[in-house]
Amino acid sequence: MHLTAMSYNLLRIVEELFKTRDPELSHPTDIKYTEALEKRQKAAKNEEGL
């Protein structure tokens, strides 16, 4: 069980490294999620400023 979790986490790290080096490798759903996350963060910052 631990080996499976460690393997998964290692693959996730490698995937993130590739994405930072070449953004074109990002899956469209990852791009959409990132944009939505940034939009929510901006909205939260605007609410704090009120």
N, C-alpha and C. Protein backbone atom coordinates (compact mmCIF):
# COMPACT_ATOMS: atom_id res chain seq x y z
N MET A 1 0.83 -1.19 0.00
CA MET A 1 0.00 0.00 0.00
C MET A 1 0.87 1.25 0.00
N HIS A 2 1.90 1.27 0.81
CA HIS A 2 2.79 2.43 0.88
C HIS A 2 3.53 2.62 -0.44
N LEU A 3 3.92 1.54 -1.06
CA LEU A 3 4.63 1.61 -2.34
C LEU A 3 3.74 2.24 -3.40
N THR A 4 2.47 1.89 -3.40
CA THR A 4 1.52 2.46 -4.36
C THR A 4 1.39 3.97 -4.15
N ALA A 5 1.26 4.40 -2.91
CA ALA A 5 1.13 5.82 -2.60
C ALA A 5 2.41 6.58 -2.96
N MET A 6 3.55 5.99 -2.66
CA MET A 6 4.82 6.65 -2.98
C MET A 6 4.99 6.76 -4.49
N SER A 7 4.63 5.74 -5.23
CA SER A 7 4.74 5.77 -6.69
C SER A 7 3.83 6.85 -7.27
N TYR A 8 2.62 6.92 -6.77
CA TYR A 8 1.67 7.94 -7.24
C TYR A 8 2.22 9.34 -6.98
N ASN A 9 2.71 9.58 -5.77
CA ASN A 9 3.23 10.90 -5.43
C ASN A 9 4.45 11.26 -6.27
N LEU A 10 5.30 10.30 -6.54
CA LEU A 10 6.46 10.54 -7.38
C LEU A 10 6.04 10.92 -8.80
N LEU A 11 5.06 10.22 -9.33
CA LEU A 11 4.56 10.56 -10.66
C LEU A 11 3.94 11.95 -10.70
N ARG A 12 3.25 12.32 -9.65
CA ARG A 12 2.66 13.67 -9.59
C ARG A 12 3.75 14.74 -9.58
N ILE A 13 4.84 14.50 -8.86
CA ILE A 13 5.95 15.45 -8.81
C ILE A 13 6.57 15.60 -10.20
N VAL A 14 6.80 14.48 -10.87
CA VAL A 14 7.38 14.52 -12.21
C VAL A 14 6.45 15.26 -13.17
N GLU A 15 5.16 14.99 -13.07
CA GLU A 15 4.19 15.67 -13.92
C GLU A 15 4.22 17.18 -13.70
N GLU A 16 4.26 17.61 -12.45
CA GLU A 16 4.31 19.04 -12.15
C GLU A 16 5.60 19.68 -12.66
N LEU A 17 6.70 18.97 -12.56
CA LEU A 17 7.96 19.50 -13.08
C LEU A 17 7.89 19.71 -14.59
N PHE A 18 7.33 18.75 -15.30
CA PHE A 18 7.19 18.88 -16.74
C PHE A 18 6.28 20.05 -17.11
N LYS A 19 5.22 20.25 -16.34
CA LYS A 19 4.29 21.35 -16.61
C LYS A 19 4.97 22.70 -16.44
N THR A 20 5.83 22.83 -15.44
CA THR A 20 6.50 24.11 -15.22
C THR A 20 7.54 24.38 -16.29
N ARG A 21 8.15 23.34 -16.82
CA ARG A 21 9.17 23.52 -17.86
C ARG A 21 8.54 23.75 -19.23
N ASP A 22 7.41 23.11 -19.51
CA ASP A 22 6.75 23.24 -20.80
C ASP A 22 5.25 23.31 -20.58
N PRO A 23 4.70 24.51 -20.46
CA PRO A 23 3.26 24.66 -20.16
C PRO A 23 2.34 24.04 -21.21
N GLU A 24 2.83 23.81 -22.42
CA GLU A 24 1.99 23.19 -23.44
C GLU A 24 1.64 21.75 -23.10
N LEU A 25 2.37 21.14 -22.17
CA LEU A 25 2.09 19.77 -21.77
C LEU A 25 0.89 19.67 -20.83
N SER A 26 0.41 20.81 -20.35
CA SER A 26 -0.72 20.82 -19.43
C SER A 26 -1.99 20.37 -20.14
N HIS A 27 -2.76 19.56 -19.45
CA HIS A 27 -4.04 19.10 -19.97
C HIS A 27 -5.03 20.26 -19.90
N PRO A 28 -5.93 20.39 -20.86
CA PRO A 28 -6.90 21.49 -20.84
C PRO A 28 -7.69 21.60 -19.54
N THR A 29 -7.99 20.48 -18.91
CA THR A 29 -8.72 20.56 -17.64
C THR A 29 -7.85 21.16 -16.54
N ASP A 30 -6.54 20.92 -16.58
CA ASP A 30 -5.64 21.54 -15.61
C ASP A 30 -5.61 23.05 -15.80
N ILE A 31 -5.57 23.48 -17.03
CA ILE A 31 -5.55 24.91 -17.33
C ILE A 31 -6.85 25.56 -16.86
N LYS A 32 -7.97 24.92 -17.14
CA LYS A 32 -9.28 25.44 -16.72
C LYS A 32 -9.36 25.53 -15.20
N TYR A 33 -8.89 24.49 -14.50
CA TYR A 33 -8.91 24.48 -13.05
C TYR A 33 -8.03 25.60 -12.48
N THR A 34 -6.86 25.79 -13.06
CA THR A 34 -5.94 26.83 -12.59
C THR A 34 -6.56 28.22 -12.77
N GLU A 35 -7.21 28.44 -13.91
CA GLU A 35 -7.86 29.73 -14.14
C GLU A 35 -8.99 29.96 -13.16
N ALA A 36 -9.78 28.93 -12.89
CA ALA A 36 -10.88 29.06 -11.93
C ALA A 36 -10.34 29.33 -10.53
N LEU A 37 -9.25 28.68 -10.17
CA LEU A 37 -8.65 28.89 -8.86
C LEU A 37 -8.14 30.33 -8.72
N GLU A 38 -7.49 30.84 -9.75
CA GLU A 38 -7.01 32.22 -9.71
C GLU A 38 -8.17 33.20 -9.59
N LYS A 39 -9.27 32.92 -10.29
CA LYS A 39 -10.44 33.79 -10.23
C LYS A 39 -11.02 33.81 -8.81
N ARG A 40 -11.08 32.63 -8.17
CA ARG A 40 -11.60 32.56 -6.79
C ARG A 40 -10.67 33.29 -5.82
N GLN A 41 -9.36 33.19 -6.04
CA GLN A 41 -8.42 33.88 -5.17
C GLN A 41 -8.56 35.39 -5.29
N LYS A 42 -8.74 35.90 -6.50
CA LYS A 42 -8.94 37.33 -6.70
C LYS A 42 -10.23 37.80 -6.03
N ALA A 43 -11.28 36.99 -6.16
CA ALA A 43 -12.57 37.35 -5.53
C ALA A 43 -12.43 37.37 -4.02
N ALA A 44 -11.68 36.43 -3.46
CA ALA A 44 -11.48 36.40 -2.01
C ALA A 44 -10.69 37.62 -1.54
N LYS A 45 -9.70 38.02 -2.32
CA LYS A 45 -8.91 39.20 -1.96
C LYS A 45 -9.77 40.45 -2.01
N ASN A 46 -10.66 40.53 -3.01
CA ASN A 46 -11.55 41.69 -3.11
C ASN A 46 -12.51 41.75 -1.94
N GLU A 47 -12.99 40.61 -1.46
CA GLU A 47 -13.90 40.58 -0.31
C GLU A 47 -13.17 40.99 0.96
N GLU A 48 -11.90 40.67 1.07
CA GLU A 48 -11.14 41.06 2.26
C GLU A 48 -10.95 42.56 2.32
N GLY A 49 -10.83 43.17 1.16
CA GLY A 49 -10.60 44.61 1.08
C GLY A 49 -11.83 45.44 1.38
N LEU A 50 -13.02 44.83 1.40
CA LEU A 50 -14.25 45.59 1.63
C LEU A 50 -14.40 45.97 3.03
